[in-house]
Amino acid sequence: MDKEAIRKELKAYEAKREDFYRFLDEHIPQNAVTGAYDFSGKPMLDAQTVYELFHKLDYQARKIRGIVVNEIINKEDA
């Protein structure tokens, strides 16, 4: 796999991560002091949407892991 293809997969990962955090930002208030998500009000989230966004993020992360193993680690061991 060439560098451009790897860059494309990393950009896809970043986009999925941004989608996930955008959803959280829209539905969970943040602590004004720390900036951390404030779950004290026990916000209700659409579980299906959370799962879909996380699954896309996780899939892309696993895809990148496969690239690292196949393209980098296995070549170093050969």
N, C-alpha and C. Protein backbone atom coordinates (compact mmCIF):
# COMPACT_ATOMS: atom_id res chain seq x y z
N MET A 1 0.85 -1.18 0.00
CA MET A 1 0.00 0.00 0.00
C MET A 1 0.90 1.23 0.00
N ASP A 2 0.60 2.19 -0.85
CA ASP A 2 1.45 3.38 -0.94
C ASP A 2 1.07 4.43 0.11
N LYS A 3 1.93 5.41 0.25
CA LYS A 3 1.73 6.44 1.28
C LYS A 3 0.42 7.20 1.09
N GLU A 4 0.05 7.46 -0.14
CA GLU A 4 -1.18 8.22 -0.40
C GLU A 4 -2.41 7.43 0.05
N ALA A 5 -2.41 6.14 -0.17
CA ALA A 5 -3.53 5.30 0.28
C ALA A 5 -3.60 5.27 1.81
N ILE A 6 -2.44 5.23 2.45
CA ILE A 6 -2.41 5.26 3.91
C ILE A 6 -2.91 6.60 4.43
N ARG A 7 -2.49 7.68 3.80
CA ARG A 7 -2.98 9.01 4.18
C ARG A 7 -4.50 9.09 4.05
N LYS A 8 -5.03 8.51 2.99
CA LYS A 8 -6.48 8.51 2.75
C LYS A 8 -7.20 7.79 3.89
N GLU A 9 -6.66 6.66 4.33
CA GLU A 9 -7.29 5.92 5.43
C GLU A 9 -7.19 6.69 6.74
N LEU A 10 -6.08 7.36 6.98
CA LEU A 10 -5.94 8.17 8.19
C LEU A 10 -6.91 9.35 8.18
N LYS A 11 -7.10 9.97 7.03
CA LYS A 11 -8.06 11.07 6.92
C LYS A 11 -9.48 10.57 7.15
N ALA A 12 -9.78 9.37 6.66
CA ALA A 12 -11.10 8.78 6.89
C ALA A 12 -11.31 8.54 8.38
N TYR A 13 -10.26 8.07 9.06
CA TYR A 13 -10.34 7.86 10.50
C TYR A 13 -10.62 9.19 11.22
N GLU A 14 -9.88 10.21 10.84
CA GLU A 14 -10.08 11.52 11.47
C GLU A 14 -11.50 12.03 11.26
N ALA A 15 -12.05 11.81 10.08
CA ALA A 15 -13.42 12.25 9.79
C ALA A 15 -14.43 11.49 10.65
N LYS A 16 -14.24 10.19 10.81
CA LYS A 16 -15.15 9.39 11.66
C LYS A 16 -15.05 9.83 13.11
N ARG A 17 -13.84 10.14 13.55
CA ARG A 17 -13.63 10.61 14.92
C ARG A 17 -14.34 11.95 15.12
N GLU A 18 -14.20 12.84 14.16
CA GLU A 18 -14.87 14.14 14.24
C GLU A 18 -16.38 13.98 14.29
N ASP A 19 -16.92 13.06 13.49
CA ASP A 19 -18.37 12.80 13.51
C ASP A 19 -18.82 12.33 14.89
N PHE A 20 -18.05 11.43 15.49
CA PHE A 20 -18.38 10.90 16.80
C PHE A 20 -18.39 12.02 17.85
N TYR A 21 -17.34 12.82 17.87
CA TYR A 21 -17.26 13.89 18.86
C TYR A 21 -18.27 15.01 18.57
N ARG A 22 -18.59 15.25 17.33
CA ARG A 22 -19.61 16.24 17.00
C ARG A 22 -20.96 15.82 17.60
N PHE A 23 -21.27 14.54 17.47
CA PHE A 23 -22.52 14.03 18.06
C PHE A 23 -22.51 14.23 19.57
N LEU A 24 -21.40 13.88 20.23
CA LEU A 24 -21.32 14.08 21.67
C LEU A 24 -21.45 15.55 22.03
N ASP A 25 -20.77 16.40 21.28
CA ASP A 25 -20.83 17.85 21.55
C ASP A 25 -22.26 18.39 21.43
N GLU A 26 -23.02 17.84 20.50
CA GLU A 26 -24.40 18.30 20.29
C GLU A 26 -25.36 17.82 21.37
N HIS A 27 -25.01 16.75 22.09
CA HIS A 27 -25.96 16.14 23.01
C HIS A 27 -25.54 16.12 24.47
N ILE A 28 -24.29 16.42 24.75
CA ILE A 28 -23.81 16.37 26.13
C ILE A 28 -23.13 17.70 26.47
N PRO A 29 -23.58 18.36 27.51
CA PRO A 29 -22.92 19.61 27.90
C PRO A 29 -21.51 19.33 28.39
N GLN A 30 -20.68 20.36 28.31
CA GLN A 30 -19.31 20.24 28.79
C GLN A 30 -19.12 21.10 30.03
N ASN A 31 -18.27 20.64 30.91
CA ASN A 31 -17.92 21.38 32.10
C ASN A 31 -17.18 22.64 31.66
N ALA A 32 -17.65 23.79 32.12
CA ALA A 32 -17.07 25.06 31.70
C ALA A 32 -15.62 25.22 32.14
N VAL A 33 -15.24 24.59 33.23
CA VAL A 33 -13.88 24.73 33.75
C VAL A 33 -12.92 23.77 33.06
N THR A 34 -13.30 22.49 32.98
CA THR A 34 -12.38 21.47 32.46
C THR A 34 -12.57 21.18 30.98
N GLY A 35 -13.76 21.46 30.45
CA GLY A 35 -14.05 21.13 29.06
C GLY A 35 -14.45 19.68 28.87
N ALA A 36 -14.41 18.90 29.96
CA ALA A 36 -14.81 17.49 29.88
C ALA A 36 -16.32 17.39 29.77
N TYR A 37 -16.79 16.31 29.18
CA TYR A 37 -18.23 16.11 29.09
C TYR A 37 -18.80 15.95 30.48
N ASP A 38 -19.95 16.60 30.70
CA ASP A 38 -20.60 16.59 32.00
C ASP A 38 -21.81 15.65 31.94
N PHE A 39 -21.64 14.46 32.48
CA PHE A 39 -22.70 13.46 32.47
C PHE A 39 -23.58 13.53 33.71
N SER A 40 -23.38 14.54 34.57
CA SER A 40 -24.11 14.62 35.82
C SER A 40 -25.61 14.74 35.61
N GLY A 41 -26.03 15.34 34.51
CA GLY A 41 -27.46 15.46 34.22
C GLY A 41 -28.03 14.22 33.57
N LYS A 42 -27.22 13.18 33.44
CA LYS A 42 -27.59 11.91 32.82
C LYS A 42 -28.32 12.12 31.50
N PRO A 43 -27.63 12.73 30.53
CA PRO A 43 -28.27 12.99 29.24
C PRO A 43 -28.63 11.68 28.54
N MET A 44 -29.77 11.69 27.89
CA MET A 44 -30.22 10.52 27.13
C MET A 44 -29.67 10.64 25.71
N LEU A 45 -29.03 9.59 25.26
CA LEU A 45 -28.49 9.55 23.91
C LEU A 45 -29.18 8.44 23.14
N ASP A 46 -29.31 8.65 21.86
CA ASP A 46 -29.87 7.63 20.99
C ASP A 46 -28.83 6.52 20.85
N ALA A 47 -29.10 5.39 21.47
CA ALA A 47 -28.13 4.29 21.51
C ALA A 47 -27.77 3.81 20.12
N GLN A 48 -28.73 3.76 19.22
CA GLN A 48 -28.45 3.29 17.87
C GLN A 48 -27.46 4.23 17.17
N THR A 49 -27.65 5.53 17.32
CA THR A 49 -26.74 6.49 16.70
C THR A 49 -25.35 6.39 17.31
N VAL A 50 -25.28 6.27 18.64
CA VAL A 50 -23.98 6.12 19.30
C VAL A 50 -23.27 4.88 18.76
N TYR A 51 -24.00 3.78 18.67
CA TYR A 51 -23.41 2.54 18.17
C TYR A 51 -22.93 2.70 16.73
N GLU A 52 -23.76 3.28 15.88
CA GLU A 52 -23.39 3.45 14.47
C GLU A 52 -22.13 4.29 14.32
N LEU A 53 -22.07 5.40 15.05
CA LEU A 53 -20.90 6.27 14.97
C LEU A 53 -19.66 5.58 15.52
N PHE A 54 -19.81 4.89 16.66
CA PHE A 54 -18.67 4.19 17.23
C PHE A 54 -18.22 3.06 16.32
N HIS A 55 -19.16 2.33 15.75
CA HIS A 55 -18.81 1.21 14.87
C HIS A 55 -18.00 1.70 13.67
N LYS A 56 -18.39 2.81 13.08
CA LYS A 56 -17.64 3.38 11.95
C LYS A 56 -16.23 3.78 12.38
N LEU A 57 -16.13 4.40 13.54
CA LEU A 57 -14.82 4.80 14.06
C LEU A 57 -13.96 3.57 14.35
N ASP A 58 -14.54 2.59 15.00
CA ASP A 58 -13.81 1.37 15.34
C ASP A 58 -13.39 0.61 14.08
N TYR A 59 -14.27 0.53 13.10
CA TYR A 59 -13.94 -0.16 11.85
C TYR A 59 -12.73 0.48 11.18
N GLN A 60 -12.75 1.80 11.13
CA GLN A 60 -11.64 2.51 10.49
C GLN A 60 -10.34 2.31 11.28
N ALA A 61 -10.43 2.31 12.60
CA ALA A 61 -9.24 2.07 13.42
C ALA A 61 -8.70 0.66 13.18
N ARG A 62 -9.59 -0.33 13.08
CA ARG A 62 -9.13 -1.69 12.81
C ARG A 62 -8.53 -1.81 11.42
N LYS A 63 -9.05 -1.06 10.48
CA LYS A 63 -8.50 -1.05 9.13
C LYS A 63 -7.07 -0.51 9.14
N ILE A 64 -6.86 0.57 9.88
CA ILE A 64 -5.52 1.15 9.99
C ILE A 64 -4.59 0.19 10.72
N ARG A 65 -5.09 -0.49 11.74
CA ARG A 65 -4.28 -1.48 12.45
C ARG A 65 -3.82 -2.57 11.47
N GLY A 66 -4.71 -3.00 10.61
CA GLY A 66 -4.35 -4.00 9.60
C GLY A 66 -3.25 -3.50 8.68
N ILE A 67 -3.33 -2.25 8.31
CA ILE A 67 -2.29 -1.66 7.45
C ILE A 67 -0.96 -1.67 8.18
N VAL A 68 -0.98 -1.27 9.44
CA VAL A 68 0.26 -1.23 10.22
C VAL A 68 0.86 -2.63 10.32
N VAL A 69 0.04 -3.61 10.64
CA VAL A 69 0.54 -4.98 10.78
C VAL A 69 1.04 -5.50 9.44
N ASN A 70 0.25 -5.38 8.40
CA ASN A 70 0.60 -5.96 7.11
C ASN A 70 1.71 -5.20 6.39
N GLU A 71 1.66 -3.91 6.43
CA GLU A 71 2.59 -3.12 5.64
C GLU A 71 3.88 -2.77 6.36
N ILE A 72 3.84 -2.71 7.67
CA ILE A 72 5.01 -2.26 8.40
C ILE A 72 5.63 -3.40 9.21
N ILE A 73 4.87 -3.97 10.12
CA ILE A 73 5.42 -4.99 11.01
C ILE A 73 5.83 -6.24 10.25
N ASN A 74 4.95 -6.76 9.40
CA ASN A 74 5.28 -7.98 8.67
C ASN A 74 6.46 -7.79 7.73
N LYS A 75 6.58 -6.61 7.15
CA LYS A 75 7.72 -6.35 6.25
C LYS A 75 9.02 -6.26 7.04
N GLU A 76 8.96 -5.73 8.25
CA GLU A 76 10.16 -5.65 9.08
C GLU A 76 10.60 -7.04 9.53
N ASP A 77 9.63 -7.93 9.76
CA ASP A 77 9.94 -9.28 10.21
C ASP A 77 10.42 -10.18 9.08
N ALA A 78 10.16 -9.78 7.85
CA ALA A 78 10.52 -10.63 6.71
C ALA A 78 12.01 -10.59 6.40
